[in-house]
Protein backbone atom coordinates (compact mmCIF):
# COMPACT_ATOMS: atom_id res chain seq x y z
CA UNK A 1 -11.52 14.71 32.88
CA UNK A 2 -8.77 15.34 30.30
CA UNK A 3 -9.56 17.67 27.28
CA UNK A 4 -11.17 15.95 24.32
CA UNK A 5 -8.69 15.52 21.41
CA UNK A 6 -9.58 17.53 17.95
CA UNK A 7 -7.19 16.47 15.41
CA UNK A 8 -6.05 19.15 12.95
CA UNK A 9 -8.59 19.53 9.80
CA UNK A 10 -6.16 17.75 7.16
CA UNK A 11 -6.16 14.80 9.69
CA UNK A 12 -9.63 14.63 10.27
CA UNK A 13 -10.08 14.79 6.27
CA UNK A 14 -7.74 12.29 5.74
CA UNK A 15 -9.39 9.76 8.28
CA UNK A 16 -12.73 10.65 6.84
CA UNK A 17 -11.39 9.71 3.33
CA UNK A 18 -10.03 6.41 4.90
CA UNK A 19 -13.60 5.67 6.06
CA UNK A 20 -15.16 6.14 2.75
CA UNK A 21 -12.78 4.22 0.95
CA UNK A 22 -13.06 1.43 3.32
CA UNK A 23 -17.20 1.35 2.74
CA UNK A 24 -16.49 1.64 -1.18
CA UNK A 25 -14.15 -1.25 -0.88
CA UNK A 26 -16.70 -3.28 1.24
CA UNK A 27 -19.39 -2.34 -1.28
CA UNK A 28 -17.16 -3.57 -4.35
CA UNK A 29 -17.13 -6.74 -2.64
CA UNK A 30 -20.73 -6.84 -2.20
CA UNK A 31 -20.40 -7.71 1.64
CA UNK A 32 -22.66 -6.17 4.15
CA UNK A 33 -21.02 -4.38 7.04
CA UNK A 34 -22.07 -6.77 9.55
CA UNK A 35 -19.86 -9.59 7.99
CA UNK A 36 -16.92 -7.16 7.87
CA UNK A 37 -17.35 -6.37 11.29
CA UNK A 38 -17.59 -9.79 12.60
CA UNK A 39 -14.38 -10.83 10.50
CA UNK A 40 -12.78 -7.99 12.22
CA UNK A 41 -13.75 -8.84 15.57
CA UNK A 42 -15.61 -5.46 15.98
CA UNK A 43 -19.50 -4.45 16.62
CA UNK A 44 -21.76 -3.21 14.06
CA UNK A 45 -21.97 0.39 15.63
CA UNK A 46 -18.08 0.32 15.66
CA UNK A 47 -18.10 -0.46 11.81
CA UNK A 48 -20.37 2.27 10.99
CA UNK A 49 -18.09 4.71 12.86
CA UNK A 50 -15.04 3.34 10.91
CA UNK A 51 -16.98 3.82 7.62
CA UNK A 52 -17.80 7.56 8.81
CA UNK A 53 -14.38 7.92 9.19
CA UNK A 54 -14.65 8.74 13.01
CA UNK A 55 -11.10 9.88 14.42
CA UNK A 56 -11.90 8.45 17.68
CA UNK A 57 -11.74 5.02 16.40
CA UNK A 58 -8.28 3.53 17.10
CA UNK A 59 -5.79 2.65 14.56
CA UNK A 60 -5.74 -1.06 15.42
CA UNK A 61 -9.63 -1.25 14.73
CA UNK A 62 -8.99 0.49 11.30
CA UNK A 63 -6.15 -2.13 10.84
CA UNK A 64 -8.38 -4.92 11.72
CA UNK A 65 -11.19 -3.71 9.07
CA UNK A 66 -8.60 -3.46 6.60
CA UNK A 67 -7.25 -6.84 7.20
CA UNK A 68 -10.80 -8.43 7.10
CA UNK A 69 -11.12 -6.62 3.49
CA UNK A 70 -7.66 -8.00 2.43
CA UNK A 71 -6.20 -4.50 2.27
CA UNK A 72 -3.94 -4.44 5.02
CA UNK A 73 -0.51 -5.12 3.36
CA UNK A 74 0.02 -1.27 2.56
CA UNK A 75 -0.88 -0.06 5.92
CA UNK A 76 2.75 -1.16 7.11
CA UNK A 77 4.38 0.94 4.16
CA UNK A 78 2.75 4.27 4.91
CA UNK A 79 5.67 5.98 6.78
CA UNK A 80 8.38 3.62 5.20
CA UNK A 81 11.35 5.38 4.05
CA UNK A 82 10.97 4.80 0.55
CA UNK A 83 7.59 6.57 0.89
CA UNK A 84 9.07 9.59 2.57
CA UNK A 85 10.49 12.06 -0.04
CA UNK A 86 10.83 14.70 2.91
CA UNK A 87 12.89 12.52 5.04
CA UNK A 88 15.13 11.08 2.33
CA UNK A 89 15.76 15.14 1.08
CA UNK A 90 16.78 16.13 4.74
CA UNK A 91 19.02 13.11 5.13
CA UNK A 92 20.99 13.79 1.89
CA UNK A 93 21.40 17.22 3.23
CA UNK A 94 23.01 15.98 6.18
CA UNK A 95 25.49 14.13 4.29
CA UNK A 96 29.03 15.07 4.63
CA UNK A 97 30.31 16.96 1.72
CA UNK A 98 33.93 15.10 2.23
CA UNK A 99 35.04 12.13 3.81
CA UNK A 100 38.48 11.23 4.98
CA UNK A 101 39.99 8.28 5.85
CA UNK A 102 41.65 7.90 9.16
CA UNK A 103 45.32 6.82 8.95
CA UNK A 104 45.32 4.73 12.12
CA UNK A 105 48.64 2.63 12.84
CA UNK A 106 48.46 -0.97 13.23
CA UNK A 107 49.96 -2.46 16.48
CA UNK A 108 53.65 -3.62 15.22
CA UNK A 109 53.66 -1.81 11.98
CA UNK A 110 56.01 1.26 11.02
CA UNK A 111 55.00 4.25 9.11
């Protein structure tokens, strides 16, 4: 039997916050968990796990619940380059300091 995966504490906190935010969004809409579970195509016990921020629930299920709440659009942009200041800074550091145009000869011309 494989070892149980335990995410780092920061990841656990983030997933827990996501679950609580999902619950708050559902409550703001005045919808029972059973309705969102049905719309997301999941069971009520799984919906309870989502709202508790269970890290064992697949990201696909979280995405289905977000879609059922009308909140899916931003999920696709989480790791988008425009939201990655560290990646952007790192790629800028790798840019060359100078650029030289190569002087390639075209066939049939003299230089």
